[in-house]
Amino acid sequence: MLWHSNPGARAWRTTAAPAEVLAFHQSLPGYAPTPLTAVPALAAELAVGQVLVKDESQRLGLPAFKALGAWWAIHCALQDHPRTAELVTATDGNHGRAVARMARMRGLKAHVFIPAVVSERAIEAIRSEGALVTIIDGSYDAAVSAAAADAASGNSLLVQDSAWPGYEVIPQYIVDGYSTLFREIDVEPDLVVVPMGVGSIAQAAVTHYRSGPVAPSVLGVEPASAACVIASLQAGELVTVPTDQTVMAGLNCGTPSSLAWPVLRAGLDAAVTVEDSEALRAVDDLAALGISSGPSGAATLAGLRAARDRLPLSATSTIILISTEAAS
């Protein structure tokens, strides 16, 4: 297990995402806040007051939270680029499907680049949205590079949830879109646990909780085989790490987003890695409690268990686990 902590994180402050993001989502057909489910059995296991799971297994007709960011970003980006004919992205699964769904809804083409390690089931789900799919024999980072190169020609628009110098406007729209998830939470937690791939959902969590009156601790969780955020935190600079196959496919990323990195460096309280076996155990345990969660979403429970003895929690603490996806 890798571990990193920042004792001064809760004192850091930033600016909240635009208020109109929530209004946009509320205007969409089928919008409803996702459940915040109390799980007393986990509270007893972890010796805390309550554990609540923010269950993103059904969000706007899709099995993950990703539409919140992708659809707000596409809404904004098409105003910036009205001549767009095709949306292009790279994905480990859920983000690409969300982009493809909105492309179909807007009458646009979609081209999605996917690393070969992604499951055939996830690939077929993206194809079912009418997208052209290109399989990349390489990592998620390689798929992002291929998507960016493809989008550089014609009337195509890259809708990527990772940022790098020179490509940060649309990724920021995506992070802003994720703010709705946290605005729906109506309790004051002591700890919020989020998964980290490139760091965008963790960036959204830190931004939300460092811009308002409630300032809980935020714990980020990564696969041990793709711990790019923790490696960067430990190095004190943004770094790229080699990645290996993991059941936490949505978190299998080698380079943090350039937008997420300074926010996480300043405002993330702690980060921890988990093994595939720990994530799979968490999937099974959540399923037994009536919550559908895939390994990337259940990683938050695995991370909480791994870090429990290092966290300043008490018998009255309220913990929120962000479960970002349904079980496949």
C-alpha atoms as a PDB file:
ATOM      1  CA  MET A   1       0.000   0.000   0.000  1.00  0.00           C
ATOM      2  CA  LEU A   2       1.234   3.472  -0.925  1.00  0.00           C
ATOM      3  CA  TRP A   3       0.113   6.352   1.267  1.00  0.00           C
ATOM      4  CA  HIS A   4       0.431  10.126   1.087  1.00  0.00           C
ATOM      5  CA  SER A   5      -1.035  12.799   3.366  1.00  0.00           C
ATOM      6  CA  ASN A   6      -1.152  16.582   3.464  1.00  0.00           C
ATOM      7  CA  PRO A   7      -2.004  17.922   6.946  1.00  0.00           C
ATOM      8  CA  GLY A   8      -2.617  21.449   5.622  1.00  0.00           C
ATOM      9  CA  ALA A   9      -5.089  20.519   2.886  1.00  0.00           C
ATOM     10  CA  ARG A  10      -8.275  21.548   4.694  1.00  0.00           C
ATOM     11  CA  ALA A  11      -7.010  25.128   5.028  1.00  0.00           C
ATOM     12  CA  TRP A  12      -6.625  25.558   1.270  1.00  0.00           C
ATOM     13  CA  ARG A  13      -9.387  27.505  -0.497  1.00  0.00           C
ATOM     14  CA  THR A  14     -10.532  27.855  -4.093  1.00  0.00           C
ATOM     15  CA  THR A  15     -13.540  28.982  -6.166  1.00  0.00           C
ATOM     16  CA  ALA A  16     -16.647  26.845  -6.692  1.00  0.00           C
ATOM     17  CA  ALA A  17     -17.853  25.580 -10.064  1.00  0.00           C
ATOM     18  CA  PRO A  18     -20.452  27.796 -11.807  1.00  0.00           C
ATOM     19  CA  ALA A  19     -23.933  27.594 -10.273  1.00  0.00           C
ATOM     20  CA  GLU A  20     -25.558  27.152 -13.692  1.00  0.00           C
ATOM     21  CA  VAL A  21     -24.122  23.637 -13.993  1.00  0.00           C
ATOM     22  CA  LEU A  22     -26.719  22.217 -11.606  1.00  0.00           C
ATOM     23  CA  ALA A  23     -29.520  24.083 -13.381  1.00  0.00           C
ATOM     24  CA  PHE A  24     -28.378  22.602 -16.708  1.00  0.00           C
ATOM     25  CA  HIS A  25     -28.496  19.068 -15.349  1.00  0.00           C
ATOM     26  CA  GLN A  26     -31.862  19.659 -13.695  1.00  0.00           C
ATOM     27  CA  SER A  27     -33.239  20.704 -17.093  1.00  0.00           C
ATOM     28  CA  LEU A  28     -32.319  17.385 -18.731  1.00  0.00           C
ATOM     29  CA  PRO A  29     -34.987  14.707 -19.299  1.00  0.00           C
ATOM     30  CA  GLY A  30     -34.569  11.940 -16.753  1.00  0.00           C
ATOM     31  CA  TYR A  31     -32.510  13.975 -14.285  1.00  0.00           C
ATOM     32  CA  ALA A  32     -32.828  13.006 -10.638  1.00  0.00           C
ATOM     33  CA  PRO A  33     -30.325  13.139  -7.775  1.00  0.00           C
ATOM     34  CA  THR A  34     -28.657   9.768  -7.303  1.00  0.00           C
ATOM     35  CA  PRO A  35     -29.148   7.966  -3.973  1.00  0.00           C
ATOM     36  CA  LEU A  36     -27.073   8.626  -0.869  1.00  0.00           C
ATOM     37  CA  THR A  37     -27.507   5.296   0.878  1.00  0.00           C
ATOM     38  CA  ALA A  38     -26.714   4.653   4.547  1.00  0.00           C
ATOM     39  CA  VAL A  39     -24.893   1.366   5.159  1.00  0.00           C
ATOM     40  CA  PRO A  40     -24.956   0.591   8.914  1.00  0.00           C
ATOM     41  CA  ALA A  41     -22.999  -2.653   8.475  1.00  0.00           C
ATOM     42  CA  LEU A  42     -20.008  -0.751   7.114  1.00  0.00           C
ATOM     43  CA  ALA A  43     -20.269   1.869   9.853  1.00  0.00           C
ATOM     44  CA  ALA A  44     -20.116  -0.925  12.438  1.00  0.00           C
ATOM     45  CA  GLU A  45     -17.177  -2.615  10.689  1.00  0.00           C
ATOM     46  CA  LEU A  46     -15.207   0.638  10.549  1.00  0.00           C
ATOM     47  CA  ALA A  47     -16.262   1.882  14.012  1.00  0.00           C
ATOM     48  CA  VAL A  48     -17.668   5.200  12.768  1.00  0.00           C
ATOM     49  CA  GLY A  49     -20.986   6.987  13.105  1.00  0.00           C
ATOM     50  CA  GLN A  50     -22.285   6.401   9.586  1.00  0.00           C
ATOM     51  CA  VAL A  51     -21.128   5.394   6.130  1.00  0.00           C
ATOM     52  CA  LEU A  52     -23.103   6.760   3.194  1.00  0.00           C
ATOM     53  CA  VAL A  53     -22.634   5.585  -0.404  1.00  0.00           C
ATOM     54  CA  LYS A  54     -23.295   8.057  -3.221  1.00  0.00           C
ATOM     55  CA  ASP A  55     -24.580   5.529  -5.733  1.00  0.00           C
ATOM     56  CA  GLU A  56     -23.886   6.519  -9.359  1.00  0.00           C
ATOM     57  CA  SER A  57     -24.957   3.189 -10.853  1.00  0.00           C
ATOM     58  CA  GLN A  58     -27.807   4.941 -12.704  1.00  0.00           C
ATOM     59  CA  ARG A  59     -27.186   8.491 -13.898  1.00  0.00           C
ATOM     60  CA  LEU A  60     -29.148  10.064 -16.766  1.00  0.00           C
ATOM     61  CA  GLY A  61     -29.858   6.662 -18.295  1.00  0.00           C
ATOM     62  CA  LEU A  62     -26.240   5.480 -18.142  1.00  0.00           C
ATOM     63  CA  PRO A  63     -24.450   3.235 -15.620  1.00  0.00           C
ATOM     64  CA  ALA A  64     -21.953   5.801 -14.320  1.00  0.00           C
ATOM     65  CA  PHE A  65     -21.465   9.418 -13.291  1.00  0.00           C
ATOM     66  CA  LYS A  66     -19.577  10.390 -16.454  1.00  0.00           C
ATOM     67  CA  ALA A  67     -22.501  12.019 -18.265  1.00  0.00           C
ATOM     68  CA  LEU A  68     -22.482  14.819 -15.697  1.00  0.00           C
ATOM     69  CA  GLY A  69     -19.119  16.049 -16.942  1.00  0.00           C
ATOM     70  CA  ALA A  70     -19.277  15.036 -20.591  1.00  0.00           C
ATOM     71  CA  TRP A  71     -22.720  16.482 -21.270  1.00  0.00           C
ATOM     72  CA  TRP A  72     -22.032  19.832 -19.602  1.00  0.00           C
ATOM     73  CA  ALA A  73     -18.717  20.056 -21.465  1.00  0.00           C
ATOM     74  CA  ILE A  74     -20.333  19.249 -24.818  1.00  0.00           C
ATOM     75  CA  HIS A  75     -23.097  21.788 -24.136  1.00  0.00           C
ATOM     76  CA  CYS A  76     -20.475  24.489 -23.502  1.00  0.00           C
ATOM     77  CA  ALA A  77     -18.013  23.419 -26.195  1.00  0.00           C
ATOM     78  CA  LEU A  78     -20.594  23.362 -28.978  1.00  0.00           C
ATOM     79  CA  GLN A  79     -21.365  26.981 -28.179  1.00  0.00           C
ATOM     80  CA  ASP A  80     -17.646  27.694 -28.524  1.00  0.00           C
ATOM     81  CA  HIS A  81     -17.349  25.539 -31.698  1.00  0.00           C
ATOM     82  CA  PRO A  82     -20.746  25.594 -33.480  1.00  0.00           C
ATOM     83  CA  ARG A  83     -19.422  24.054 -36.722  1.00  0.00           C
ATOM     84  CA  THR A  84     -18.492  20.786 -35.005  1.00  0.00           C
ATOM     85  CA  ALA A  85     -19.563  17.672 -36.925  1.00  0.00           C
ATOM     86  CA  GLU A  86     -17.899  14.940 -34.837  1.00  0.00           C
ATOM     87  CA  LEU A  87     -16.997  14.376 -31.194  1.00  0.00           C
ATOM     88  CA  VAL A  88     -13.759  12.493 -30.532  1.00  0.00           C
ATOM     89  CA  THR A  89     -12.536  11.028 -27.255  1.00  0.00           C
ATOM     90  CA  ALA A  90     -10.459   8.326 -25.613  1.00  0.00           C
ATOM     91  CA  THR A  91     -11.889   6.198 -22.840  1.00  0.00           C
ATOM     92  CA  ASP A  92     -11.605   3.235 -20.526  1.00  0.00           C
ATOM     93  CA  GLY A  93     -15.366   2.807 -20.935  1.00  0.00           C
ATOM     94  CA  ASN A  94     -17.958   5.035 -19.296  1.00  0.00           C
ATOM     95  CA  HIS A  95     -16.711   8.445 -20.444  1.00  0.00           C
ATOM     96  CA  GLY A  96     -16.647   7.324 -24.062  1.00  0.00           C
ATOM     97  CA  ARG A  97     -20.165   5.971 -23.851  1.00  0.00           C
ATOM     98  CA  ALA A  98     -21.414   9.248 -22.355  1.00  0.00           C
ATOM     99  CA  VAL A  99     -19.779  11.245 -25.172  1.00  0.00           C
ATOM    100  CA  ALA A 100     -21.200   8.881 -27.787  1.00  0.00           C
ATOM    101  CA  ARG A 101     -24.699   9.106 -26.284  1.00  0.00           C
ATOM    102  CA  MET A 102     -24.701  12.905 -26.429  1.00  0.00           C
ATOM    103  CA  ALA A 103     -23.290  12.894 -29.969  1.00  0.00           C
ATOM    104  CA  ARG A 104     -26.233  10.728 -31.028  1.00  0.00           C
ATOM    105  CA  MET A 105     -28.668  13.008 -29.200  1.00  0.00           C
ATOM    106  CA  ARG A 106     -27.210  16.057 -30.963  1.00  0.00           C
ATOM    107  CA  GLY A 107     -27.067  14.439 -34.409  1.00  0.00           C
ATOM    108  CA  LEU A 108     -23.263  14.360 -34.473  1.00  0.00           C
ATOM    109  CA  LYS A 109     -20.775  11.642 -35.292  1.00  0.00           C
ATOM    110  CA  ALA A 110     -18.659  10.111 -32.525  1.00  0.00           C
ATOM    111  CA  HIS A 111     -15.231   8.492 -32.748  1.00  0.00           C
ATOM    112  CA  VAL A 112     -14.003   6.765 -29.592  1.00  0.00           C
ATOM    113  CA  PHE A 113     -10.461   5.453 -29.058  1.00  0.00           C
ATOM    114  CA  ILE A 114     -10.140   2.603 -26.573  1.00  0.00           C
ATOM    115  CA  PRO A 115      -7.082   0.767 -25.185  1.00  0.00           C
ATOM    116  CA  ALA A 116      -7.136  -2.931 -25.999  1.00  0.00           C
ATOM    117  CA  VAL A 117      -7.326  -3.951 -22.322  1.00  0.00           C
ATOM    118  CA  VAL A 118     -10.906  -2.656 -22.061  1.00  0.00           C
ATOM    119  CA  SER A 119     -13.533  -5.408 -21.942  1.00  0.00           C
ATOM    120  CA  GLU A 120     -15.461  -6.377 -25.055  1.00  0.00           C
ATOM    121  CA  ARG A 121     -18.680  -5.685 -23.175  1.00  0.00           C
ATOM    122  CA  ALA A 122     -17.664  -2.053 -22.572  1.00  0.00           C
ATOM    123  CA  ILE A 123     -16.603  -1.678 -26.200  1.00  0.00           C
ATOM    124  CA  GLU A 124     -19.931  -3.019 -27.466  1.00  0.00           C
ATOM    125  CA  ALA A 125     -21.804  -0.648 -25.151  1.00  0.00           C
ATOM    126  CA  ILE A 126     -20.043   2.272 -26.842  1.00  0.00           C
ATOM    127  CA  ARG A 127     -20.736   0.875 -30.321  1.00  0.00           C
ATOM    128  CA  SER A 128     -24.402   0.549 -29.340  1.00  0.00           C
ATOM    129  CA  GLU A 129     -24.522   4.343 -29.108  1.00  0.00           C
ATOM    130  CA  GLY A 130     -23.611   4.591 -32.801  1.00  0.00           C
ATOM    131  CA  ALA A 131     -19.953   5.515 -32.301  1.00  0.00           C
ATOM    132  CA  LEU A 132     -17.030   4.523 -34.488  1.00  0.00           C
ATOM    133  CA  VAL A 133     -14.607   2.667 -32.207  1.00  0.00           C
ATOM    134  CA  THR A 134     -10.857   2.393 -32.758  1.00  0.00           C
ATOM    135  CA  ILE A 135      -8.954  -0.072 -30.569  1.00  0.00           C
ATOM    136  CA  ILE A 136      -5.445   1.058 -29.586  1.00  0.00           C
ATOM    137  CA  ASP A 137      -2.803  -1.557 -28.844  1.00  0.00           C
ATOM    138  CA  GLY A 138      -1.419   0.359 -25.899  1.00  0.00           C
ATOM    139  CA  SER A 139      -2.281   2.197 -22.691  1.00  0.00           C
ATOM    140  CA  TYR A 140      -5.002   4.705 -21.900  1.00  0.00           C
ATOM    141  CA  ASP A 141      -2.414   7.455 -22.414  1.00  0.00           C
ATOM    142  CA  ALA A 142      -1.727   6.073 -25.906  1.00  0.00           C
ATOM    143  CA  ALA A 143      -5.454   6.141 -26.669  1.00  0.00           C
ATOM    144  CA  VAL A 144      -5.637   9.784 -25.558  1.00  0.00           C
ATOM    145  CA  SER A 145      -2.743  10.677 -27.851  1.00  0.00           C
ATOM    146  CA  ALA A 146      -4.419   8.927 -30.778  1.00  0.00           C
ATOM    147  CA  ALA A 147      -7.730  10.689 -30.122  1.00  0.00           C
ATOM    148  CA  ALA A 148      -6.057  14.085 -29.898  1.00  0.00           C
ATOM    149  CA  ALA A 149      -4.235  13.501 -33.181  1.00  0.00           C
ATOM    150  CA  ASP A 150      -7.439  12.390 -34.904  1.00  0.00           C
ATOM    151  CA  ALA A 151      -9.412  15.401 -33.664  1.00  0.00           C
ATOM    152  CA  ALA A 152      -6.811  17.846 -34.954  1.00  0.00           C
ATOM    153  CA  SER A 153      -8.207  17.675 -38.484  1.00  0.00           C
ATOM    154  CA  GLY A 154     -11.595  18.611 -39.922  1.00  0.00           C
ATOM    155  CA  ASN A 155     -14.613  19.741 -37.901  1.00  0.00           C
ATOM    156  CA  SER A 156     -13.935  17.348 -35.031  1.00  0.00           C
ATOM    157  CA  LEU A 157     -13.932  18.295 -31.367  1.00  0.00           C
ATOM    158  CA  LEU A 158     -11.874  16.476 -28.728  1.00  0.00           C
ATOM    159  CA  VAL A 159     -13.928  15.914 -25.558  1.00  0.00           C
ATOM    160  CA  GLN A 160     -11.355  14.535 -23.144  1.00  0.00           C
ATOM    161  CA  ASP A 161     -11.584  14.284 -19.364  1.00  0.00           C
ATOM    162  CA  SER A 162      -7.840  14.688 -18.918  1.00  0.00           C
ATOM    163  CA  ALA A 163      -5.980  17.965 -19.433  1.00  0.00           C
ATOM    164  CA  TRP A 164      -2.462  18.834 -20.553  1.00  0.00           C
ATOM    165  CA  PRO A 165      -0.801  22.175 -21.336  1.00  0.00           C
ATOM    166  CA  GLY A 166      -2.625  23.659 -24.309  1.00  0.00           C
ATOM    167  CA  TYR A 167      -5.738  21.519 -23.779  1.00  0.00           C
ATOM    168  CA  GLU A 168      -7.529  22.606 -20.626  1.00  0.00           C
ATOM    169  CA  VAL A 169     -10.792  24.381 -21.485  1.00  0.00           C
ATOM    170  CA  ILE A 170     -12.955  21.323 -22.188  1.00  0.00           C
ATOM    171  CA  PRO A 171     -11.452  19.254 -19.332  1.00  0.00           C
ATOM    172  CA  GLN A 172     -12.343  22.108 -16.970  1.00  0.00           C
ATOM    173  CA  TYR A 173     -15.920  22.067 -18.274  1.00  0.00           C
ATOM    174  CA  ILE A 174     -15.991  18.341 -17.494  1.00  0.00           C
ATOM    175  CA  VAL A 175     -14.744  18.862 -13.930  1.00  0.00           C
ATOM    176  CA  ASP A 176     -17.308  21.631 -13.465  1.00  0.00           C
ATOM    177  CA  GLY A 177     -19.985  19.203 -14.648  1.00  0.00           C
ATOM    178  CA  TYR A 178     -19.066  16.768 -11.892  1.00  0.00           C
ATOM    179  CA  SER A 179     -19.911  19.438  -9.308  1.00  0.00           C
ATOM    180  CA  THR A 180     -23.592  18.445  -9.509  1.00  0.00           C
ATOM    181  CA  LEU A 181     -22.778  15.123  -7.850  1.00  0.00           C
ATOM    182  CA  PHE A 182     -21.448  16.915  -4.769  1.00  0.00           C
ATOM    183  CA  ARG A 183     -24.115  19.640  -4.750  1.00  0.00           C
ATOM    184  CA  GLU A 184     -26.721  16.881  -4.413  1.00  0.00           C
ATOM    185  CA  ILE A 185     -25.180  15.729  -1.115  1.00  0.00           C
ATOM    186  CA  ASP A 186     -27.184  17.304   1.711  1.00  0.00           C
ATOM    187  CA  VAL A 187     -25.221  16.105   4.743  1.00  0.00           C
ATOM    188  CA  GLU A 188     -22.030  17.464   6.295  1.00  0.00           C
ATOM    189  CA  PRO A 189     -19.429  14.678   6.135  1.00  0.00           C
ATOM    190  CA  ASP A 190     -16.198  14.350   8.042  1.00  0.00           C
ATOM    191  CA  LEU A 191     -14.561  12.395   5.213  1.00  0.00           C
ATOM    192  CA  VAL A 192     -15.297  12.008   1.502  1.00  0.00           C
ATOM    193  CA  VAL A 193     -13.602   9.155  -0.387  1.00  0.00           C
ATOM    194  CA  VAL A 194     -13.194   9.439  -4.170  1.00  0.00           C
ATOM    195  CA  PRO A 195     -11.553   7.266  -6.831  1.00  0.00           C
ATOM    196  CA  MET A 196      -8.684   8.729  -8.842  1.00  0.00           C
ATOM    197  CA  GLY A 197      -7.764   7.951 -12.435  1.00  0.00           C
ATOM    198  CA  VAL A 198      -6.389  11.106 -14.023  1.00  0.00           C
ATOM    199  CA  GLY A 199      -7.780  12.912 -10.965  1.00  0.00           C
ATOM    200  CA  SER A 200     -10.740  14.810 -12.418  1.00  0.00           C
ATOM    201  CA  ILE A 201     -13.490  13.560 -10.072  1.00  0.00           C
ATOM    202  CA  ALA A 202     -11.113  14.061  -7.142  1.00  0.00           C
ATOM    203  CA  GLN A 203     -10.461  17.578  -8.426  1.00  0.00           C
ATOM    204  CA  ALA A 204     -14.204  18.211  -8.450  1.00  0.00           C
ATOM    205  CA  ALA A 205     -14.522  16.913  -4.878  1.00  0.00           C
ATOM    206  CA  VAL A 206     -11.672  19.054  -3.577  1.00  0.00           C
ATOM    207  CA  THR A 207     -12.972  22.115  -5.426  1.00  0.00           C
ATOM    208  CA  HIS A 208     -16.451  21.659  -3.959  1.00  0.00           C
ATOM    209  CA  TYR A 209     -15.316  21.102  -0.394  1.00  0.00           C
ATOM    210  CA  ARG A 210     -12.634  23.802  -0.424  1.00  0.00           C
ATOM    211  CA  SER A 211     -14.976  26.513  -1.727  1.00  0.00           C
ATOM    212  CA  GLY A 212     -17.854  26.373   0.755  1.00  0.00           C
ATOM    213  CA  PRO A 213     -18.561  26.388   4.488  1.00  0.00           C
ATOM    214  CA  VAL A 214     -18.118  22.597   4.946  1.00  0.00           C
ATOM    215  CA  ALA A 215     -14.502  21.376   4.756  1.00  0.00           C
ATOM    216  CA  PRO A 216     -14.285  17.612   5.298  1.00  0.00           C
ATOM    217  CA  SER A 217     -11.171  15.579   4.659  1.00  0.00           C
ATOM    218  CA  VAL A 218     -10.920  14.140   1.139  1.00  0.00           C
ATOM    219  CA  LEU A 219      -9.236  10.777   0.522  1.00  0.00           C
ATOM    220  CA  GLY A 220      -8.289   9.714  -3.011  1.00  0.00           C
ATOM    221  CA  VAL A 221      -7.954   6.049  -4.016  1.00  0.00           C
ATOM    222  CA  GLU A 222      -5.873   4.573  -6.863  1.00  0.00           C
ATOM    223  CA  PRO A 223      -4.989   1.089  -8.136  1.00  0.00           C
ATOM    224  CA  ALA A 224      -1.555  -0.007  -6.967  1.00  0.00           C
ATOM    225  CA  SER A 225      -0.702  -0.719 -10.615  1.00  0.00           C
ATOM    226  CA  ALA A 226      -1.633   2.786 -11.850  1.00  0.00           C
ATOM    227  CA  ALA A 227      -0.865   5.196  -9.028  1.00  0.00           C
ATOM    228  CA  CYS A 228       0.011   8.282 -11.049  1.00  0.00           C
ATOM    229  CA  VAL A 229      -1.437  10.809  -8.591  1.00  0.00           C
ATOM    230  CA  ILE A 230       0.345   9.393  -5.543  1.00  0.00           C
ATOM    231  CA  ALA A 231       3.585   9.140  -7.518  1.00  0.00           C
ATOM    232  CA  SER A 232       3.216  12.813  -8.438  1.00  0.00           C
ATOM    233  CA  LEU A 233       2.388  13.818  -4.857  1.00  0.00           C
ATOM    234  CA  GLN A 234       5.426  11.972  -3.561  1.00  0.00           C
ATOM    235  CA  ALA A 235       7.683  13.448  -6.244  1.00  0.00           C
ATOM    236  CA  GLY A 236       6.349  16.965  -5.742  1.00  0.00           C
ATOM    237  CA  GLU A 237       5.732  17.311  -9.480  1.00  0.00           C
ATOM    238  CA  LEU A 238       3.490  15.844 -12.138  1.00  0.00           C
ATOM    239  CA  VAL A 239       4.928  12.513 -13.331  1.00  0.00           C
ATOM    240  CA  THR A 240       3.903   9.655 -15.604  1.00  0.00           C
ATOM    241  CA  VAL A 241       3.998   6.068 -14.364  1.00  0.00           C
ATOM    242  CA  PRO A 242       3.836   2.794 -16.294  1.00  0.00           C
ATOM    243  CA  THR A 243       0.484   1.041 -15.966  1.00  0.00           C
ATOM    244  CA  ASP A 244      -0.535  -2.591 -15.894  1.00  0.00           C
ATOM    245  CA  GLN A 245      -3.893  -4.246 -16.406  1.00  0.00           C
ATOM    246  CA  THR A 246      -6.276  -3.829 -13.467  1.00  0.00           C
ATOM    247  CA  VAL A 247      -9.906  -4.700 -12.745  1.00  0.00           C
ATOM    248  CA  MET A 248     -10.306  -0.998 -11.918  1.00  0.00           C
ATOM    249  CA  ALA A 249     -10.370  -0.189 -15.644  1.00  0.00           C
ATOM    250  CA  GLY A 250     -11.666   3.347 -15.203  1.00  0.00           C
ATOM    251  CA  LEU A 251      -8.700   4.192 -12.986  1.00  0.00           C
ATOM    252  CA  ASN A 252      -6.009   2.632 -15.190  1.00  0.00           C
ATOM    253  CA  CYS A 253      -4.283   5.915 -16.062  1.00  0.00           C
ATOM    254  CA  GLY A 254      -0.591   6.752 -16.183  1.00  0.00           C
ATOM    255  CA  THR A 255      -0.595  10.568 -16.162  1.00  0.00           C
ATOM    256  CA  PRO A 256      -2.625  12.937 -13.957  1.00  0.00           C
ATOM    257  CA  SER A 257      -4.609  15.726 -15.565  1.00  0.00           C
ATOM    258  CA  SER A 258      -2.643  18.977 -15.591  1.00  0.00           C
ATOM    259  CA  LEU A 259      -5.743  20.718 -14.190  1.00  0.00           C
ATOM    260  CA  ALA A 260      -6.274  18.216 -11.400  1.00  0.00           C
ATOM    261  CA  TRP A 261      -2.652  18.091 -10.302  1.00  0.00           C
ATOM    262  CA  PRO A 262      -2.273  21.537  -8.614  1.00  0.00           C
ATOM    263  CA  VAL A 263      -5.698  21.203  -6.963  1.00  0.00           C
ATOM    264  CA  LEU A 264      -4.902  17.764  -5.544  1.00  0.00           C
ATOM    265  CA  ARG A 265      -1.418  18.789  -4.477  1.00  0.00           C
ATOM    266  CA  ALA A 266      -2.867  21.666  -2.446  1.00  0.00           C
ATOM    267  CA  GLY A 267      -6.272  20.431  -1.289  1.00  0.00           C
ATOM    268  CA  LEU A 268      -6.310  16.616  -1.118  1.00  0.00           C
ATOM    269  CA  ASP A 269      -5.872  15.408   2.463  1.00  0.00           C
ATOM    270  CA  ALA A 270      -4.662  11.903   1.680  1.00  0.00           C
ATOM    271  CA  ALA A 271      -4.253   9.273  -1.025  1.00  0.00           C
ATOM    272  CA  VAL A 272      -3.956   5.499  -0.845  1.00  0.00           C
ATOM    273  CA  THR A 273      -3.487   2.587  -3.248  1.00  0.00           C
ATOM    274  CA  VAL A 274      -5.470  -0.648  -3.303  1.00  0.00           C
ATOM    275  CA  GLU A 275      -4.970  -4.030  -4.941  1.00  0.00           C
ATOM    276  CA  ASP A 276      -7.379  -5.662  -7.381  1.00  0.00           C
ATOM    277  CA  SER A 277      -8.333  -8.265  -4.783  1.00  0.00           C
ATOM    278  CA  GLU A 278      -9.355  -5.531  -2.338  1.00  0.00           C
ATOM    279  CA  ALA A 279     -11.504  -3.787  -4.957  1.00  0.00           C
ATOM    280  CA  LEU A 280     -13.206  -7.062  -5.916  1.00  0.00           C
ATOM    281  CA  ARG A 281     -13.961  -7.832  -2.286  1.00  0.00           C
ATOM    282  CA  ALA A 282     -15.545  -4.384  -1.993  1.00  0.00           C
ATOM    283  CA  VAL A 283     -17.666  -5.057  -5.110  1.00  0.00           C
ATOM    284  CA  ASP A 284     -19.006  -8.244  -3.515  1.00  0.00           C
ATOM    285  CA  ASP A 285     -19.607  -6.615  -0.138  1.00  0.00           C
ATOM    286  CA  LEU A 286     -21.526  -3.696  -1.649  1.00  0.00           C
ATOM    287  CA  ALA A 287     -23.579  -6.096  -3.791  1.00  0.00           C
ATOM    288  CA  ALA A 288     -24.514  -8.054  -0.644  1.00  0.00           C
ATOM    289  CA  LEU A 289     -25.728  -4.761   0.837  1.00  0.00           C
ATOM    290  CA  GLY A 290     -27.869  -3.997  -2.219  1.00  0.00           C
ATOM    291  CA  ILE A 291     -25.531  -1.533  -3.984  1.00  0.00           C
ATOM    292  CA  SER A 292     -24.378  -2.181  -7.554  1.00  0.00           C
ATOM    293  CA  SER A 293     -20.778  -1.004  -7.963  1.00  0.00           C
ATOM    294  CA  GLY A 294     -17.985  -1.924 -10.329  1.00  0.00           C
ATOM    295  CA  PRO A 295     -14.355  -2.185  -9.190  1.00  0.00           C
ATOM    296  CA  SER A 296     -13.544   1.458  -9.989  1.00  0.00           C
ATOM    297  CA  GLY A 297     -16.487   2.632  -7.869  1.00  0.00           C
ATOM    298  CA  ALA A 298     -16.006   0.106  -5.086  1.00  0.00           C
ATOM    299  CA  ALA A 299     -12.340   1.127  -4.860  1.00  0.00           C
ATOM    300  CA  THR A 300     -13.465   3.821  -2.424  1.00  0.00           C
ATOM    301  CA  LEU A 301     -14.600   1.220   0.089  1.00  0.00           C
ATOM    302  CA  ALA A 302     -11.358  -0.707  -0.423  1.00  0.00           C
ATOM    303  CA  GLY A 303      -9.373   2.489   0.093  1.00  0.00           C
ATOM    304  CA  LEU A 304     -11.254   3.402   3.246  1.00  0.00           C
ATOM    305  CA  ARG A 305     -10.562  -0.031   4.682  1.00  0.00           C
ATOM    306  CA  ALA A 306      -6.872   0.182   3.763  1.00  0.00           C
ATOM    307  CA  ALA A 307      -6.463   3.663   5.262  1.00  0.00           C
ATOM    308  CA  ARG A 308      -8.800   3.350   8.275  1.00  0.00           C
ATOM    309  CA  ASP A 309      -6.063   3.210  10.916  1.00  0.00           C
ATOM    310  CA  ARG A 310      -4.297   6.244   9.427  1.00  0.00           C
ATOM    311  CA  LEU A 311      -7.385   8.465   9.351  1.00  0.00           C
ATOM    312  CA  PRO A 312      -8.547  10.698  12.230  1.00  0.00           C
ATOM    313  CA  LEU A 313     -11.996   9.123  12.524  1.00  0.00           C
ATOM    314  CA  SER A 314     -14.185   8.608  15.582  1.00  0.00           C
ATOM    315  CA  ALA A 315     -17.344   6.791  16.606  1.00  0.00           C
ATOM    316  CA  THR A 316     -19.360   9.827  15.475  1.00  0.00           C
ATOM    317  CA  SER A 317     -17.705  10.411  12.077  1.00  0.00           C
ATOM    318  CA  THR A 318     -19.782  10.597   8.895  1.00  0.00           C
ATOM    319  CA  ILE A 319     -18.104   9.162   5.796  1.00  0.00           C
ATOM    320  CA  ILE A 320     -19.283   9.415   2.193  1.00  0.00           C
ATOM    321  CA  LEU A 321     -18.036   6.901  -0.376  1.00  0.00           C
ATOM    322  CA  ILE A 322     -18.385   7.967  -4.002  1.00  0.00           C
ATOM    323  CA  SER A 323     -19.315   4.866  -6.003  1.00  0.00           C
ATOM    324  CA  THR A 324     -18.905   6.045  -9.580  1.00  0.00           C
ATOM    325  CA  GLU A 325     -20.257   3.117 -11.617  1.00  0.00           C
ATOM    326  CA  ALA A 326     -22.576   0.141 -11.704  1.00  0.00           C
ATOM    327  CA  ALA A 327     -21.344  -3.428 -11.668  1.00  0.00           C
ATOM    328  CA  SER A 328     -20.923  -4.685 -15.233  1.00  0.00           C
END
